Amino acid sequence: MQRVEIHLKDEERDYLETLSSTGVCQVRVLQRAQVLLALDQGVLDGQISAVLNLERTRLWRTRQRYLKGGLAAALYDQARPGRPRQYDDKAETEIVALACSQPPTGDSQWSLPLLTEVARGQTQALQTVSQATVRQVLQKNAVSLG
């Protein structure tokens, strides 16, 4: 595999040096900045990996990300979409409204299992709701069962 040289622009080099000297960032960003600075100076991959205690694949990935997407792509991870929400705002509103209402007859106050059971039976959208989800919705909306 042929080594591809990296030549940073002056403003990129200044930014990376400032980032490395202040040290107020995530460790992975700092390591990537140090890798880019070393690659710009022509330091060999083996020396960089030995000094920074990094795998060579991390060096290769950082170099490729810089060549394909520039400095921001090399330093920072792309945002990940995450898992889509299972319950919409309407379903969450129903849970909160239920928690703020009077508990069923025979119970003095709502408990998490009771609230989950009643919510499951109330609407089709909440048939599969779990206690953990109900707890998270209540916590997000600052609703206490006590």
N, C-alpha and C. Protein backbone atom coordinates (compact mmCIF):
# COMPACT_ATOMS: atom_id res chain seq x y z
N MET A 1 0.84 -1.18 0.00
CA MET A 1 0.00 0.00 0.00
C MET A 1 0.89 1.24 0.00
N GLN A 2 0.66 2.12 -0.94
CA GLN A 2 1.47 3.32 -1.07
C GLN A 2 0.97 4.38 -0.08
N ARG A 3 1.93 5.01 0.57
CA ARG A 3 1.61 6.04 1.55
C ARG A 3 1.19 7.32 0.83
N VAL A 4 0.08 7.90 1.26
CA VAL A 4 -0.41 9.15 0.69
C VAL A 4 -0.01 10.27 1.63
N GLU A 5 0.65 11.26 1.09
CA GLU A 5 1.10 12.40 1.89
C GLU A 5 -0.07 13.34 2.18
N ILE A 6 -0.02 13.93 3.34
CA ILE A 6 -1.02 14.92 3.73
C ILE A 6 -0.32 16.26 3.90
N HIS A 7 -0.88 17.29 3.31
CA HIS A 7 -0.35 18.64 3.44
C HIS A 7 -1.48 19.54 3.94
N LEU A 8 -1.37 19.94 5.19
CA LEU A 8 -2.39 20.79 5.79
C LEU A 8 -2.23 22.23 5.34
N LYS A 9 -3.35 22.93 5.27
CA LYS A 9 -3.31 24.36 5.01
C LYS A 9 -2.85 25.06 6.29
N ASP A 10 -2.37 26.29 6.15
CA ASP A 10 -1.85 27.01 7.31
C ASP A 10 -2.91 27.19 8.40
N GLU A 11 -4.14 27.54 7.99
CA GLU A 11 -5.19 27.75 9.00
C GLU A 11 -5.59 26.44 9.67
N GLU A 12 -5.54 25.32 8.92
CA GLU A 12 -5.84 24.01 9.51
C GLU A 12 -4.76 23.64 10.52
N ARG A 13 -3.51 23.87 10.16
CA ARG A 13 -2.39 23.56 11.04
C ARG A 13 -2.48 24.40 12.32
N ASP A 14 -2.79 25.68 12.18
CA ASP A 14 -2.93 26.55 13.35
C ASP A 14 -4.06 26.07 14.26
N TYR A 15 -5.17 25.69 13.65
CA TYR A 15 -6.31 25.19 14.43
C TYR A 15 -5.93 23.92 15.19
N LEU A 16 -5.25 22.99 14.52
CA LEU A 16 -4.86 21.73 15.16
C LEU A 16 -3.84 21.96 16.27
N GLU A 17 -2.93 22.88 16.06
CA GLU A 17 -1.95 23.17 17.11
C GLU A 17 -2.61 23.82 18.32
N THR A 18 -3.56 24.70 18.07
CA THR A 18 -4.30 25.31 19.17
C THR A 18 -5.11 24.26 19.92
N LEU A 19 -5.74 23.38 19.17
CA LEU A 19 -6.54 22.31 19.77
C LEU A 19 -5.65 21.39 20.61
N SER A 20 -4.48 21.06 20.11
CA SER A 20 -3.56 20.18 20.83
C SER A 20 -2.97 20.84 22.06
N SER A 21 -2.72 22.13 22.00
CA SER A 21 -2.09 22.80 23.14
C SER A 21 -3.07 23.10 24.26
N THR A 22 -4.33 23.37 23.92
CA THR A 22 -5.30 23.67 24.98
C THR A 22 -5.78 22.40 25.65
N GLY A 23 -6.00 21.34 24.88
CA GLY A 23 -6.42 20.06 25.45
C GLY A 23 -7.84 20.06 25.98
N VAL A 24 -8.67 21.01 25.56
CA VAL A 24 -10.04 21.07 26.03
C VAL A 24 -10.95 20.49 24.95
N CYS A 25 -10.90 19.18 24.81
CA CYS A 25 -11.74 18.49 23.83
C CYS A 25 -11.74 17.01 24.18
N GLN A 26 -12.47 16.24 23.42
CA GLN A 26 -12.51 14.80 23.65
C GLN A 26 -11.15 14.20 23.30
N VAL A 27 -10.80 13.11 23.96
CA VAL A 27 -9.51 12.47 23.74
C VAL A 27 -9.38 12.01 22.30
N ARG A 28 -10.43 11.45 21.73
CA ARG A 28 -10.34 10.96 20.35
C ARG A 28 -10.08 12.11 19.37
N VAL A 29 -10.67 13.27 19.62
CA VAL A 29 -10.44 14.44 18.76
C VAL A 29 -8.99 14.90 18.90
N LEU A 30 -8.50 14.92 20.13
CA LEU A 30 -7.12 15.32 20.37
C LEU A 30 -6.14 14.36 19.69
N GLN A 31 -6.39 13.06 19.78
CA GLN A 31 -5.52 12.08 19.12
C GLN A 31 -5.56 12.24 17.61
N ARG A 32 -6.73 12.47 17.06
CA ARG A 32 -6.84 12.66 15.61
C ARG A 32 -6.09 13.92 15.18
N ALA A 33 -6.17 14.97 15.98
CA ALA A 33 -5.44 16.20 15.67
C ALA A 33 -3.94 15.94 15.70
N GLN A 34 -3.46 15.20 16.69
CA GLN A 34 -2.05 14.88 16.78
C GLN A 34 -1.59 14.01 15.61
N VAL A 35 -2.44 13.08 15.19
CA VAL A 35 -2.12 12.24 14.04
C VAL A 35 -1.99 13.09 12.79
N LEU A 36 -2.93 13.99 12.57
CA LEU A 36 -2.88 14.84 11.38
C LEU A 36 -1.65 15.74 11.38
N LEU A 37 -1.30 16.27 12.54
CA LEU A 37 -0.11 17.11 12.62
C LEU A 37 1.15 16.30 12.31
N ALA A 38 1.22 15.09 12.85
CA ALA A 38 2.38 14.25 12.59
C ALA A 38 2.46 13.83 11.13
N LEU A 39 1.31 13.50 10.53
CA LEU A 39 1.30 13.13 9.12
C LEU A 39 1.72 14.31 8.25
N ASP A 40 1.32 15.51 8.64
CA ASP A 40 1.70 16.70 7.90
C ASP A 40 3.21 16.94 7.95
N GLN A 41 3.83 16.57 9.06
CA GLN A 41 5.28 16.75 9.21
C GLN A 41 6.08 15.62 8.56
N GLY A 42 5.37 14.60 8.04
CA GLY A 42 6.06 13.51 7.35
C GLY A 42 6.55 12.40 8.25
N VAL A 43 6.04 12.33 9.46
CA VAL A 43 6.43 11.27 10.38
C VAL A 43 5.84 9.95 9.88
N LEU A 44 6.60 8.88 9.99
CA LEU A 44 6.16 7.58 9.51
C LEU A 44 5.03 7.02 10.38
N ASP A 45 4.18 6.21 9.77
CA ASP A 45 3.02 5.65 10.47
C ASP A 45 3.45 4.85 11.70
N GLY A 46 4.49 4.05 11.56
CA GLY A 46 4.96 3.23 12.68
C GLY A 46 5.40 4.07 13.87
N GLN A 47 6.04 5.18 13.60
CA GLN A 47 6.48 6.06 14.68
C GLN A 47 5.29 6.74 15.35
N ILE A 48 4.33 7.16 14.55
CA ILE A 48 3.13 7.80 15.11
C ILE A 48 2.37 6.82 16.00
N SER A 49 2.19 5.60 15.51
CA SER A 49 1.43 4.62 16.30
C SER A 49 2.18 4.23 17.57
N ALA A 50 3.51 4.22 17.51
CA ALA A 50 4.28 3.88 18.71
C ALA A 50 4.23 5.01 19.74
N VAL A 51 4.38 6.24 19.28
CA VAL A 51 4.40 7.37 20.21
C VAL A 51 3.02 7.64 20.81
N LEU A 52 1.99 7.62 19.96
CA LEU A 52 0.63 7.92 20.44
C LEU A 52 -0.11 6.70 20.96
N ASN A 53 0.53 5.53 20.84
CA ASN A 53 -0.07 4.27 21.29
C ASN A 53 -1.41 4.02 20.61
N LEU A 54 -1.40 4.11 19.28
CA LEU A 54 -2.60 3.89 18.47
C LEU A 54 -2.37 2.76 17.49
N GLU A 55 -3.45 2.13 17.09
CA GLU A 55 -3.38 1.12 16.04
C GLU A 55 -3.17 1.80 14.70
N ARG A 56 -2.53 1.10 13.79
CA ARG A 56 -2.30 1.67 12.46
C ARG A 56 -3.61 1.91 11.71
N THR A 57 -4.60 1.09 11.98
CA THR A 57 -5.88 1.28 11.29
C THR A 57 -6.50 2.63 11.64
N ARG A 58 -6.29 3.10 12.88
CA ARG A 58 -6.81 4.41 13.26
C ARG A 58 -6.11 5.51 12.46
N LEU A 59 -4.82 5.34 12.24
CA LEU A 59 -4.07 6.30 11.42
C LEU A 59 -4.61 6.31 9.99
N TRP A 60 -4.80 5.13 9.45
CA TRP A 60 -5.29 5.02 8.07
C TRP A 60 -6.67 5.65 7.93
N ARG A 61 -7.54 5.36 8.90
CA ARG A 61 -8.90 5.92 8.84
C ARG A 61 -8.88 7.44 8.95
N THR A 62 -8.05 7.95 9.85
CA THR A 62 -7.96 9.41 10.01
C THR A 62 -7.45 10.05 8.72
N ARG A 63 -6.43 9.44 8.11
CA ARG A 63 -5.89 9.97 6.86
C ARG A 63 -6.95 9.95 5.76
N GLN A 64 -7.67 8.84 5.62
CA GLN A 64 -8.69 8.72 4.58
C GLN A 64 -9.84 9.69 4.81
N ARG A 65 -10.24 9.86 6.06
CA ARG A 65 -11.33 10.78 6.35
C ARG A 65 -10.92 12.22 6.03
N TYR A 66 -9.65 12.55 6.28
CA TYR A 66 -9.18 13.89 5.93
C TYR A 66 -9.15 14.08 4.42
N LEU A 67 -8.66 13.09 3.70
CA LEU A 67 -8.56 13.20 2.25
C LEU A 67 -9.93 13.27 1.58
N LYS A 68 -10.89 12.56 2.12
CA LYS A 68 -12.23 12.53 1.51
C LYS A 68 -13.10 13.70 1.95
N GLY A 69 -13.02 14.10 3.23
CA GLY A 69 -13.98 15.08 3.72
C GLY A 69 -13.41 16.32 4.36
N GLY A 70 -12.10 16.42 4.45
CA GLY A 70 -11.51 17.60 5.05
C GLY A 70 -11.27 17.46 6.54
N LEU A 71 -10.94 18.56 7.16
CA LEU A 71 -10.53 18.57 8.56
C LEU A 71 -11.67 18.17 9.51
N ALA A 72 -12.85 18.72 9.30
CA ALA A 72 -13.97 18.41 10.20
C ALA A 72 -14.33 16.93 10.15
N ALA A 73 -14.30 16.34 8.96
CA ALA A 73 -14.62 14.91 8.83
C ALA A 73 -13.56 14.05 9.50
N ALA A 74 -12.31 14.50 9.48
CA ALA A 74 -11.23 13.72 10.09
C ALA A 74 -11.27 13.81 11.62
N LEU A 75 -11.65 14.95 12.14
CA LEU A 75 -11.61 15.14 13.58
C LEU A 75 -12.85 14.63 14.30
N TYR A 76 -14.02 14.90 13.74
CA TYR A 76 -15.26 14.65 14.46
C TYR A 76 -16.06 13.52 13.83
N ASP A 77 -16.73 12.75 14.69
CA ASP A 77 -17.60 11.67 14.22
C ASP A 77 -18.87 12.24 13.62
N GLN A 78 -19.42 11.52 12.66
CA GLN A 78 -20.70 11.93 12.10
C GLN A 78 -21.81 11.61 13.10
N ALA A 79 -22.84 12.40 13.08
CA ALA A 79 -23.99 12.15 13.95
C ALA A 79 -24.67 10.86 13.54
N ARG A 80 -25.07 10.11 14.52
CA ARG A 80 -25.76 8.85 14.26
C ARG A 80 -27.25 9.06 14.54
N PRO A 81 -28.09 8.49 13.70
CA PRO A 81 -29.52 8.77 13.85
C PRO A 81 -30.14 8.16 15.09
N GLY A 82 -29.64 7.04 15.55
CA GLY A 82 -30.22 6.40 16.72
C GLY A 82 -31.52 5.68 16.38
N ARG A 83 -32.09 5.07 17.38
CA ARG A 83 -33.32 4.33 17.18
C ARG A 83 -34.49 5.31 17.10
N PRO A 84 -35.41 5.09 16.17
CA PRO A 84 -36.56 6.00 16.07
C PRO A 84 -37.48 5.84 17.29
N ARG A 85 -38.19 6.92 17.60
CA ARG A 85 -39.10 6.89 18.74
C ARG A 85 -40.23 5.90 18.47
N GLN A 86 -40.57 5.14 19.49
CA GLN A 86 -41.65 4.17 19.36
C GLN A 86 -43.01 4.80 19.67
N TYR A 87 -43.02 5.77 20.57
CA TYR A 87 -44.27 6.41 20.97
C TYR A 87 -44.18 7.91 20.67
N ASP A 88 -45.22 8.45 20.08
CA ASP A 88 -45.20 9.86 19.69
C ASP A 88 -45.61 10.74 20.88
N ASP A 89 -45.67 12.03 20.63
CA ASP A 89 -46.02 12.99 21.68
C ASP A 89 -47.42 12.76 22.22
N LYS A 90 -48.34 12.35 21.37
CA LYS A 90 -49.71 12.11 21.82
C LYS A 90 -49.76 10.98 22.84
N ALA A 91 -49.02 9.90 22.57
CA ALA A 91 -48.99 8.77 23.50
C ALA A 91 -48.35 9.18 24.83
N GLU A 92 -47.29 9.97 24.75
CA GLU A 92 -46.65 10.44 25.98
C GLU A 92 -47.58 11.36 26.77
N THR A 93 -48.34 12.17 26.07
CA THR A 93 -49.29 13.05 26.73
C THR A 93 -50.37 12.24 27.45
N GLU A 94 -50.80 11.15 26.83
CA GLU A 94 -51.80 10.29 27.47
C GLU A 94 -51.25 9.67 28.75
N ILE A 95 -49.99 9.28 28.74
CA ILE A 95 -49.38 8.69 29.94
C ILE A 95 -49.32 9.73 31.05
N VAL A 96 -48.88 10.94 30.71
CA VAL A 96 -48.77 12.01 31.71
C VAL A 96 -50.16 12.37 32.24
N ALA A 97 -51.15 12.47 31.37
CA ALA A 97 -52.51 12.80 31.80
C ALA A 97 -53.06 11.72 32.72
N LEU A 98 -52.78 10.48 32.39
CA LEU A 98 -53.24 9.37 33.23
C LEU A 98 -52.57 9.43 34.60
N ALA A 99 -51.29 9.74 34.64
CA ALA A 99 -50.57 9.82 35.91
C ALA A 99 -51.07 10.98 36.77
N CYS A 100 -51.57 12.03 36.14
CA CYS A 100 -52.08 13.19 36.88
C CYS A 100 -53.54 13.02 37.31
N SER A 101 -54.19 11.98 36.81
CA SER A 101 -55.59 11.76 37.16
C SER A 101 -55.69 10.95 38.46
N GLN A 102 -56.92 10.74 38.90
CA GLN A 102 -57.16 9.95 40.10
C GLN A 102 -56.89 8.48 39.82
N PRO A 103 -56.28 7.76 40.76
CA PRO A 103 -56.05 6.32 40.56
C PRO A 103 -57.37 5.55 40.61
N PRO A 104 -57.38 4.34 40.12
CA PRO A 104 -58.61 3.55 40.15
C PRO A 104 -59.11 3.34 41.58
N THR A 105 -60.38 3.03 41.68
CA THR A 105 -60.95 2.81 43.01
C THR A 105 -60.26 1.63 43.67
N GLY A 106 -60.00 1.76 44.95
CA GLY A 106 -59.31 0.72 45.69
C GLY A 106 -57.82 0.99 45.83
N ASP A 107 -57.30 1.94 45.08
CA ASP A 107 -55.88 2.30 45.18
C ASP A 107 -55.78 3.74 45.65
N SER A 108 -54.87 3.98 46.59
CA SER A 108 -54.73 5.35 47.11
C SER A 108 -53.88 6.23 46.21
N GLN A 109 -52.93 5.63 45.50
CA GLN A 109 -52.10 6.41 44.58
C GLN A 109 -51.61 5.50 43.46
N TRP A 110 -51.07 6.14 42.41
CA TRP A 110 -50.55 5.39 41.28
C TRP A 110 -49.22 4.73 41.62
N SER A 111 -49.05 3.51 41.17
CA SER A 111 -47.74 2.87 41.20
C SER A 111 -47.32 2.66 39.75
N LEU A 112 -46.07 2.45 39.52
CA LEU A 112 -45.59 2.28 38.15
C LEU A 112 -46.22 1.06 37.46
N PRO A 113 -46.30 -0.10 38.13
CA PRO A 113 -46.96 -1.24 37.48
C PRO A 113 -48.44 -0.99 37.20
N LEU A 114 -49.13 -0.32 38.13
CA LEU A 114 -50.55 -0.02 37.94
C LEU A 114 -50.75 0.95 36.79
N LEU A 115 -49.94 1.99 36.74
CA LEU A 115 -50.04 2.98 35.67
C LEU A 115 -49.77 2.33 34.31
N THR A 116 -48.79 1.45 34.25
CA THR A 116 -48.47 0.76 32.99
C THR A 116 -49.63 -0.13 32.56
N GLU A 117 -50.20 -0.84 33.50
CA GLU A 117 -51.33 -1.75 33.18
C GLU A 117 -52.54 -0.97 32.67
N VAL A 118 -52.86 0.13 33.32
CA VAL A 118 -54.01 0.94 32.90
C VAL A 118 -53.73 1.60 31.54
N ALA A 119 -52.51 2.06 31.33
CA ALA A 119 -52.16 2.70 30.06
C ALA A 119 -52.26 1.70 28.91
N ARG A 120 -51.87 0.46 29.15
CA ARG A 120 -51.95 -0.58 28.12
C ARG A 120 -53.40 -0.84 27.72
N GLY A 121 -54.29 -0.80 28.68
CA GLY A 121 -55.68 -1.09 28.38
C GLY A 121 -56.46 0.11 27.85
N GLN A 122 -55.87 1.28 27.93
CA GLN A 122 -56.61 2.49 27.57
C GLN A 122 -56.64 2.73 26.06
N THR A 123 -55.52 2.64 25.38
CA THR A 123 -55.48 2.93 23.94
C THR A 123 -54.69 1.86 23.20
N GLN A 124 -54.96 1.77 21.92
CA GLN A 124 -54.28 0.81 21.05
C GLN A 124 -52.79 1.16 20.93
N ALA A 125 -52.47 2.44 20.93
CA ALA A 125 -51.09 2.88 20.73
C ALA A 125 -50.19 2.48 21.89
N LEU A 126 -50.77 2.29 23.07
CA LEU A 126 -49.97 1.98 24.26
C LEU A 126 -50.08 0.52 24.69
N GLN A 127 -50.57 -0.35 23.84
CA GLN A 127 -50.75 -1.75 24.22
C GLN A 127 -49.44 -2.44 24.59
N THR A 128 -48.34 -2.03 24.00
CA THR A 128 -47.06 -2.70 24.25
C THR A 128 -46.11 -1.87 25.10
N VAL A 129 -46.61 -0.82 25.74
CA VAL A 129 -45.73 0.05 26.52
C VAL A 129 -45.19 -0.71 27.73
N SER A 130 -43.92 -0.47 28.05
CA SER A 130 -43.29 -1.15 29.18
C SER A 130 -43.21 -0.21 30.38
N GLN A 131 -42.91 -0.77 31.53
CA GLN A 131 -42.76 0.05 32.73
C GLN A 131 -41.59 1.01 32.59
N ALA A 132 -40.53 0.54 31.95
CA ALA A 132 -39.36 1.40 31.76
C ALA A 132 -39.70 2.62 30.91
N THR A 133 -40.49 2.42 29.87
CA THR A 133 -40.90 3.53 29.01
C THR A 133 -41.79 4.50 29.77
N VAL A 134 -42.72 3.98 30.54
CA VAL A 134 -43.60 4.84 31.34
C VAL A 134 -42.77 5.64 32.32
N ARG A 135 -41.81 5.00 32.98
CA ARG A 135 -40.94 5.70 33.92
C ARG A 135 -40.15 6.81 33.22
N GLN A 136 -39.61 6.53 32.03
CA GLN A 136 -38.84 7.54 31.29
C GLN A 136 -39.72 8.73 30.88
N VAL A 137 -40.95 8.44 30.45
CA VAL A 137 -41.86 9.52 30.06
C VAL A 137 -42.18 10.40 31.27
N LEU A 138 -42.44 9.78 32.41
CA LEU A 138 -42.74 10.55 33.61
C LEU A 138 -41.53 11.37 34.06
N GLN A 139 -40.36 10.77 33.97
CA GLN A 139 -39.15 11.48 34.37
C GLN A 139 -38.86 12.65 33.43
N LYS A 140 -39.04 12.44 32.14
CA LYS A 140 -38.81 13.49 31.14
C LYS A 140 -39.74 14.68 31.37
N ASN A 141 -40.95 14.42 31.82
CA ASN A 141 -41.95 15.47 32.04
C ASN A 141 -42.03 15.91 33.50
N ALA A 142 -41.11 15.46 34.32
CA ALA A 142 -41.02 15.84 35.74
C ALA A 142 -42.32 15.56 36.48
N VAL A 143 -42.88 14.38 36.23
CA VAL A 143 -44.10 13.96 36.92
C VAL A 143 -43.73 12.89 37.95
N SER A 144 -44.16 13.10 39.17
CA SER A 144 -43.88 12.15 40.25
C SER A 144 -45.16 11.42 40.61
N LEU A 145 -45.03 10.13 40.87
CA LEU A 145 -46.20 9.35 41.27
C LEU A 145 -46.49 9.48 42.76
N GLY A 146 -45.58 10.02 43.51
CA GLY A 146 -45.75 10.13 44.94
C GLY A 146 -46.43 11.34 45.34
